[in-house]
């Protein structure tokens, strides 16, 4: 049998690759599709995965998003129907693959840990045979009227799928110009072009900017690596910070980079989760309503949610001034939590195969 994965983001590349390895071990053939989007293409290259590039990222504008999505549905339908003809489809919140799978009568499964992105959820989950999601999100999905019988839960976070046996690659980090003898902080600006955040964020002035300035002023011995999401974001940050901040032009091995950092200051979800599971202190500047994942990590005392840029900068200074103690405490908490979690890469394939056997 042939399983089709549609991959739209770097997180999805990591997640789907972890699942695909389980299906391959059972003798399934794997095919990937993606869209023209620098970050995901770079991540697929790092993972050594071949994917057919179908369509493009629509940007921040609603009309452009709609047009890009509509165009991609048509192109993806042609490719799936005439070229790969899969037996099963899987994606993490991909409206186009959900619509194509439904239209072509292909059994389709989805995963999602982002109920805050309700528009995407409404465009994907109704078409899916099953939704796979962390167990602590049950209430959030029920509030969006997702039927309980459609959901399969796992006790854990999505990054467990690719971090369970992960070993940081120090050579990959050295390639971007980090001095291995100095501490460094990772800054991840928000996803300002996403529909769920565009109305509360300004991509020209990310909330992490003030934090970056405070680190430069207070800790000249601490390096800063900023992982921008888009070329225009990279250009804006280079104009602002010059050579004082490392801003990689190419997609990097982010898990390795985060694992060995002293602190992550982020405004999204996946890298915050990765850092928390590594035992790296995390400050979230996410400007929208509190995320379900944030609630969970705050409860576990592994994340500090501080949307106010000034207060986030203050907390950054506090952590870096006492970084060894913070790292020791967070590592202890993270190790205990990680060991108790289920691996989605074990749970999901088992349920998909069982579901298909019963069809």
Protein backbone atom coordinates (compact mmCIF):
# COMPACT_ATOMS: atom_id res chain seq x y z
CA UNK A 1 0.00 0.00 0.00
CA UNK A 2 1.05 3.58 -0.61
CA UNK A 3 0.71 6.32 2.03
CA UNK A 4 0.72 9.97 1.03
CA UNK A 5 1.99 12.65 3.39
CA UNK A 6 1.32 16.31 2.62
CA UNK A 7 3.90 18.47 4.41
CA UNK A 8 3.42 22.24 4.73
CA UNK A 9 5.75 23.34 7.55
CA UNK A 10 9.11 22.34 9.09
CA UNK A 11 7.29 20.85 12.10
CA UNK A 12 5.15 18.75 9.79
CA UNK A 13 8.24 17.49 7.97
CA UNK A 14 9.72 16.25 11.23
CA UNK A 15 6.43 14.81 12.45
CA UNK A 16 5.48 13.04 9.21
CA UNK A 17 9.00 11.67 8.72
CA UNK A 18 8.84 10.07 12.18
CA UNK A 19 5.48 8.45 11.33
CA UNK A 20 6.62 7.41 7.86
CA UNK A 21 9.51 5.39 9.26
CA UNK A 22 7.01 3.27 11.21
CA UNK A 23 4.89 2.64 8.11
CA UNK A 24 7.97 1.84 6.03
CA UNK A 25 8.94 -0.79 8.60
CA UNK A 26 5.56 -2.44 7.88
CA UNK A 27 6.26 -2.48 4.16
CA UNK A 28 4.29 0.59 3.12
CA UNK A 29 5.49 2.85 0.30
CA UNK A 30 5.75 6.53 1.28
CA UNK A 31 5.18 9.52 -0.99
CA UNK A 32 5.43 13.18 0.00
CA UNK A 33 3.98 16.39 -1.39
CA UNK A 34 4.70 19.91 -0.22
CA UNK A 35 4.39 23.52 -1.40
CA UNK A 36 6.83 26.24 -2.35
CA UNK A 37 7.85 27.60 1.06
CA UNK A 38 11.53 28.12 1.93
CA UNK A 39 11.48 26.82 5.48
CA UNK A 40 9.77 23.53 4.68
CA UNK A 41 11.84 22.92 1.55
CA UNK A 42 15.00 23.47 3.57
CA UNK A 43 13.82 21.10 6.29
CA UNK A 44 12.92 18.39 3.79
CA UNK A 45 16.41 18.73 2.31
CA UNK A 46 18.00 18.36 5.75
CA UNK A 47 15.97 15.21 6.32
CA UNK A 48 16.89 13.82 2.91
CA UNK A 49 13.25 13.56 1.78
CA UNK A 50 12.04 13.93 -1.79
CA UNK A 51 8.70 15.68 -2.12
CA UNK A 52 6.73 16.89 -5.13
CA UNK A 53 6.33 20.67 -4.87
CA UNK A 54 2.68 21.44 -5.57
CA UNK A 55 1.50 25.04 -5.19
CA UNK A 56 2.82 27.84 -3.00
CA UNK A 57 2.48 29.59 0.35
CA UNK A 58 -0.21 32.27 0.13
CA UNK A 59 1.44 34.87 2.39
CA UNK A 60 -0.39 37.01 4.94
CA UNK A 61 -3.21 38.49 2.83
CA UNK A 62 -6.56 36.67 3.01
CA UNK A 63 -7.24 36.94 -0.71
CA UNK A 64 -3.77 35.65 -1.55
CA UNK A 65 -4.22 32.77 0.89
CA UNK A 66 -7.55 31.84 -0.67
CA UNK A 67 -6.24 32.04 -4.22
CA UNK A 68 -3.08 30.02 -3.44
CA UNK A 69 -5.14 27.36 -1.65
CA UNK A 70 -7.67 27.09 -4.49
CA UNK A 71 -4.92 26.78 -7.08
CA UNK A 72 -3.17 24.15 -5.00
CA UNK A 73 -6.32 22.03 -4.65
CA UNK A 74 -6.59 21.76 -8.43
CA UNK A 75 -2.91 20.96 -8.96
CA UNK A 76 -2.82 18.54 -6.04
CA UNK A 77 -5.93 16.72 -7.26
CA UNK A 78 -4.32 16.18 -10.66
CA UNK A 79 -1.06 14.98 -9.13
CA UNK A 80 -2.64 12.65 -6.60
CA UNK A 81 -5.15 11.18 -9.04
CA UNK A 82 -2.90 10.78 -12.07
CA UNK A 83 0.58 10.32 -10.57
CA UNK A 84 0.68 8.72 -7.14
CA UNK A 85 -2.80 7.25 -6.52
CA UNK A 86 -2.29 6.64 -2.78
CA UNK A 87 -4.27 4.21 -0.64
CA UNK A 88 -4.11 6.46 2.44
CA UNK A 89 -3.55 10.16 3.08
CA UNK A 90 -2.11 11.84 6.17
CA UNK A 91 -1.39 15.47 6.95
CA UNK A 92 -1.10 17.87 9.84
CA UNK A 93 -3.78 20.51 9.24
CA UNK A 94 -3.53 20.77 5.45
CA UNK A 95 -6.78 22.15 3.95
CA UNK A 96 -5.78 21.25 0.40
CA UNK A 97 -4.91 17.60 1.04
CA UNK A 98 -8.03 17.17 3.18
CA UNK A 99 -10.23 18.45 0.35
CA UNK A 100 -8.45 16.38 -2.29
CA UNK A 101 -8.57 13.17 -0.25
CA UNK A 102 -12.28 13.66 0.42
CA UNK A 103 -13.01 14.42 -3.21
CA UNK A 104 -11.11 11.37 -4.45
CA UNK A 105 -12.45 9.03 -1.77
CA UNK A 106 -9.08 8.39 -0.13
CA UNK A 107 -9.10 7.41 3.58
CA UNK A 108 -7.58 10.42 5.31
CA UNK A 109 -6.12 11.00 8.76
CA UNK A 110 -4.94 14.16 10.41
CA UNK A 111 -3.08 15.32 13.51
CA UNK A 112 -3.46 18.71 15.13
CA UNK A 113 -2.26 20.36 18.33
CA UNK A 114 -3.47 23.84 17.38
CA UNK A 115 -7.15 24.38 18.21
CA UNK A 116 -6.37 28.13 18.29
CA UNK A 117 -6.07 27.93 14.49
CA UNK A 118 -9.77 27.20 14.24
CA UNK A 119 -10.23 28.17 10.58
CA UNK A 120 -7.70 25.57 9.45
CA UNK A 121 -9.24 23.05 11.83
CA UNK A 122 -12.68 23.65 10.31
CA UNK A 123 -11.24 23.11 6.82
CA UNK A 124 -9.51 19.84 7.67
CA UNK A 125 -10.94 17.84 10.58
CA UNK A 126 -14.45 17.33 9.10
CA UNK A 127 -12.86 15.52 6.13
CA UNK A 128 -10.70 13.23 8.28
CA UNK A 129 -11.52 9.71 9.40
CA UNK A 130 -9.63 10.32 12.65
CA UNK A 131 -7.98 13.24 14.43
CA UNK A 132 -4.86 12.50 16.49
CA UNK A 133 -4.12 15.02 19.22
CA UNK A 134 -2.54 15.39 22.69
CA UNK A 135 -4.87 14.19 25.45
CA UNK A 136 -4.90 17.50 27.31
CA UNK A 137 -6.59 19.13 24.30
CA UNK A 138 -9.81 17.10 24.52
CA UNK A 139 -11.86 19.96 25.96
CA UNK A 140 -10.58 22.49 23.42
CA UNK A 141 -11.60 20.25 20.52
CA UNK A 142 -14.97 19.45 22.03
CA UNK A 143 -15.61 23.21 22.28
CA UNK A 144 -15.07 23.29 18.49
CA UNK A 145 -17.65 20.50 18.13
CA UNK A 146 -15.21 17.78 17.10
CA UNK A 147 -16.97 14.45 17.87
CA UNK A 148 -15.31 12.47 20.65
CA UNK A 149 -15.46 9.26 18.59
CA UNK A 150 -13.34 10.90 15.88
CA UNK A 151 -10.46 11.70 18.24
CA UNK A 152 -7.52 9.52 19.26
CA UNK A 153 -5.40 10.87 22.09
CA UNK A 154 -1.79 10.40 23.09
CA UNK A 155 -0.26 11.38 26.40
CA UNK A 156 2.45 13.76 25.31
CA UNK A 157 3.55 16.49 22.95
CA UNK A 158 4.07 16.22 19.20
CA UNK A 159 7.88 16.79 19.26
CA UNK A 160 8.29 13.54 21.21
CA UNK A 161 7.83 11.88 17.80
CA UNK A 162 11.19 13.17 16.54
CA UNK A 163 13.01 13.81 19.82
CA UNK A 164 12.68 10.42 21.57
CA UNK A 165 16.07 9.16 20.34
CA UNK A 166 17.48 12.53 19.31
CA UNK A 167 21.18 13.39 19.67
CA UNK A 168 22.25 17.01 18.96
CA UNK A 169 24.52 17.52 15.97
CA UNK A 170 27.28 19.88 17.12
CA UNK A 171 28.80 20.10 13.65
CA UNK A 172 25.55 21.50 12.26
CA UNK A 173 25.63 24.22 14.91
CA UNK A 174 29.25 25.13 14.23
CA UNK A 175 28.44 25.70 10.56
CA UNK A 176 26.32 28.76 11.30
CA UNK A 177 29.15 30.54 13.11
CA UNK A 178 28.47 29.92 16.79
CA UNK A 179 31.45 30.03 19.13
CA UNK A 180 31.23 26.71 21.03
CA UNK A 181 32.94 28.27 24.06
CA UNK A 182 30.22 30.89 24.63
CA UNK A 183 26.59 30.56 25.66
CA UNK A 184 23.95 31.49 23.13
CA UNK A 185 20.25 32.32 23.07
CA UNK A 186 17.83 31.32 20.31
CA UNK A 187 15.24 33.89 19.22
CA UNK A 188 12.24 32.77 17.16
CA UNK A 189 10.00 35.64 15.92
CA UNK A 190 6.28 35.01 15.58
CA UNK A 191 4.54 33.55 12.53
CA UNK A 192 3.09 36.92 11.50
CA UNK A 193 1.68 35.66 8.20
CA UNK A 194 -0.55 33.01 9.78
CA UNK A 195 -4.30 33.66 9.78
CA UNK A 196 -4.59 33.06 13.52
CA UNK A 197 -2.02 35.72 14.44
CA UNK A 198 -2.02 38.35 11.70
CA UNK A 199 -4.54 40.58 13.46
CA UNK A 200 -2.56 40.81 16.69
CA UNK A 201 1.00 40.92 15.35
CA UNK A 202 3.19 43.25 13.34
CA UNK A 203 5.72 41.38 11.20
CA UNK A 204 7.76 44.58 10.83
CA UNK A 205 8.27 44.78 14.60
CA UNK A 206 8.32 41.27 16.12
CA UNK A 207 7.80 41.12 19.88
CA UNK A 208 11.15 39.45 20.26
CA UNK A 209 12.99 42.57 19.01
CA UNK A 210 13.13 44.30 22.39
CA UNK A 211 14.37 41.12 24.04
CA UNK A 212 17.16 40.90 21.47
CA UNK A 213 18.19 44.50 22.14
CA UNK A 214 18.26 43.92 25.91
CA UNK A 215 20.49 40.86 25.58
CA UNK A 216 22.93 42.79 23.39
CA UNK A 217 23.06 45.62 25.94
CA UNK A 218 23.32 43.46 29.05
CA UNK A 219 25.22 40.32 28.03
CA UNK A 220 27.94 41.07 25.45
CA UNK A 221 29.36 37.59 26.09
CA UNK A 222 26.12 35.83 25.07
CA UNK A 223 25.60 35.06 21.40
CA UNK A 224 22.19 35.46 19.76
CA UNK A 225 20.87 33.26 16.98
CA UNK A 226 17.67 34.50 15.36
CA UNK A 227 15.67 31.99 13.33
CA UNK A 228 13.54 34.15 11.04
CA UNK A 229 10.66 32.61 9.15
CA UNK A 230 10.67 34.60 5.90
CA UNK A 231 13.25 36.36 3.70
CA UNK A 232 11.65 39.76 4.35
CA UNK A 233 11.84 39.12 8.09
CA UNK A 234 15.52 38.21 7.71
CA UNK A 235 16.25 41.43 5.81
CA UNK A 236 14.49 43.58 8.40
CA UNK A 237 16.39 41.99 11.28
CA UNK A 238 19.74 42.27 9.49
CA UNK A 239 19.12 45.97 8.90
CA UNK A 240 18.34 46.39 12.58
CA UNK A 241 21.06 44.28 14.19
CA UNK A 242 23.76 43.87 11.57
CA UNK A 243 26.51 41.43 12.56
CA UNK A 244 25.59 41.58 16.26
CA UNK A 245 23.09 38.75 15.74
CA UNK A 246 23.56 35.49 13.85
CA UNK A 247 20.73 35.19 11.33
CA UNK A 248 21.16 32.02 9.24
CA UNK A 249 20.16 32.38 5.60
CA UNK A 250 19.46 28.69 5.19
CA UNK A 251 17.24 26.39 7.22
CA UNK A 252 19.22 24.98 10.14
CA UNK A 253 19.02 21.87 12.31
CA UNK A 254 16.80 23.68 14.81
CA UNK A 255 16.44 20.84 17.36
CA UNK A 256 20.24 20.59 17.66
CA UNK A 257 20.54 24.35 17.97
CA UNK A 258 17.85 24.57 20.64
CA UNK A 259 19.07 21.59 22.64
CA UNK A 260 22.42 23.22 23.39
CA UNK A 261 21.17 26.77 23.97
CA UNK A 262 20.93 28.65 27.28
CA UNK A 263 17.47 30.05 26.56
CA UNK A 264 14.79 30.14 23.87
CA UNK A 265 12.66 33.23 23.38
CA UNK A 266 9.87 32.33 20.99
CA UNK A 267 6.50 33.49 19.80
CA UNK A 268 5.05 30.28 18.48
CA UNK A 269 4.54 26.67 19.39
CA UNK A 270 6.84 23.95 18.09
CA UNK A 271 10.26 25.32 19.02
CA UNK A 272 8.91 26.30 22.43
CA UNK A 273 7.87 22.69 22.93
CA UNK A 274 11.20 21.35 21.75
CA UNK A 275 13.09 23.63 24.14
CA UNK A 276 10.84 22.70 27.05
CA UNK A 277 11.38 18.98 26.44
CA UNK A 278 15.15 19.52 26.26
CA UNK A 279 15.07 21.31 29.61
CA UNK A 280 15.95 24.66 28.07
CA UNK A 281 14.14 27.61 29.73
CA UNK A 282 11.48 29.08 27.41
CA UNK A 283 9.95 32.54 27.30
CA UNK A 284 6.90 32.79 25.05
CA UNK A 285 6.04 36.22 23.65
CA UNK A 286 3.12 34.86 21.64
CA UNK A 287 0.79 37.86 21.20
CA UNK A 288 -2.54 36.08 20.78
CA UNK A 289 -4.69 34.25 23.30
CA UNK A 290 -2.88 31.69 25.41
CA UNK A 291 -2.32 28.43 23.54
CA UNK A 292 -3.36 25.04 24.89
CA UNK A 293 0.26 23.89 24.66
CA UNK A 294 1.35 26.95 26.63
CA UNK A 295 -1.17 26.20 29.37
CA UNK A 296 0.21 22.69 29.60
CA UNK A 297 3.87 23.73 29.74
CA UNK A 298 3.14 26.50 32.26
CA UNK A 299 1.45 23.92 34.48
CA UNK A 300 4.57 21.77 34.22
CA UNK A 301 6.73 24.82 35.06
CA UNK A 302 8.66 24.60 31.81
CA UNK A 303 7.54 27.80 30.08
CA UNK A 304 7.15 31.48 31.00
CA UNK A 305 4.40 33.19 29.01
CA UNK A 306 5.13 36.93 28.87
CA UNK A 307 3.46 38.70 25.89
CA UNK A 308 4.61 42.13 27.09
CA UNK A 309 8.00 42.73 25.39
CA UNK A 310 9.39 44.83 28.27
CA UNK A 311 8.51 42.20 30.87
CA UNK A 312 9.82 39.45 28.59
CA UNK A 313 13.13 41.31 28.33
CA UNK A 314 13.24 41.60 32.14
CA UNK A 315 12.69 37.86 32.52
CA UNK A 316 15.37 37.17 29.94
CA UNK A 317 17.88 39.14 31.99
CA UNK A 318 16.83 37.31 35.16
CA UNK A 319 17.31 33.87 33.57
CA UNK A 320 20.66 34.68 31.94
CA UNK A 321 22.03 36.15 35.16
CA UNK A 322 21.31 32.84 36.89
CA UNK A 323 21.45 30.57 33.86
CA UNK A 324 23.13 27.56 35.47
CA UNK A 325 20.47 27.23 38.16
CA UNK A 326 17.63 27.70 35.67
CA UNK A 327 19.09 25.10 33.35
CA UNK A 328 19.54 22.58 36.16
CA UNK A 329 15.96 23.03 37.42
CA UNK A 330 14.41 22.91 33.95
CA UNK A 331 16.42 19.87 32.93
CA UNK A 332 15.22 17.95 35.99
CA UNK A 333 11.58 18.85 35.31
CA UNK A 334 11.83 18.08 31.60
CA UNK A 335 13.48 14.70 32.10
CA UNK A 336 10.70 13.55 34.40
CA UNK A 337 7.99 14.75 32.04
CA UNK A 338 9.58 13.39 28.86
CA UNK A 339 9.98 9.90 30.31
CA UNK A 340 6.25 9.76 31.12
CA UNK A 341 5.05 10.66 27.63
CA UNK A 342 3.73 8.44 24.86
CA UNK A 343 5.34 8.68 21.44
CA UNK A 344 2.85 9.84 18.76
CA UNK A 345 4.97 7.96 16.20
CA UNK A 346 3.98 4.74 17.96
CA UNK A 347 0.34 5.61 18.66
CA UNK A 348 -0.72 7.03 15.30
CA UNK A 349 0.48 4.29 12.89
CA UNK A 350 -1.01 1.60 15.13
CA UNK A 351 -4.45 3.24 15.06
CA UNK A 352 -4.31 4.02 11.34
CA UNK A 353 -3.48 0.42 10.48
CA UNK A 354 -6.18 -0.90 12.82
CA UNK A 355 -8.73 1.47 11.29
CA UNK A 356 -7.84 0.38 7.77
CA UNK A 357 -8.09 -3.30 8.72
CA UNK A 358 -11.63 -2.71 9.98
CA UNK A 359 -12.83 -0.76 6.93
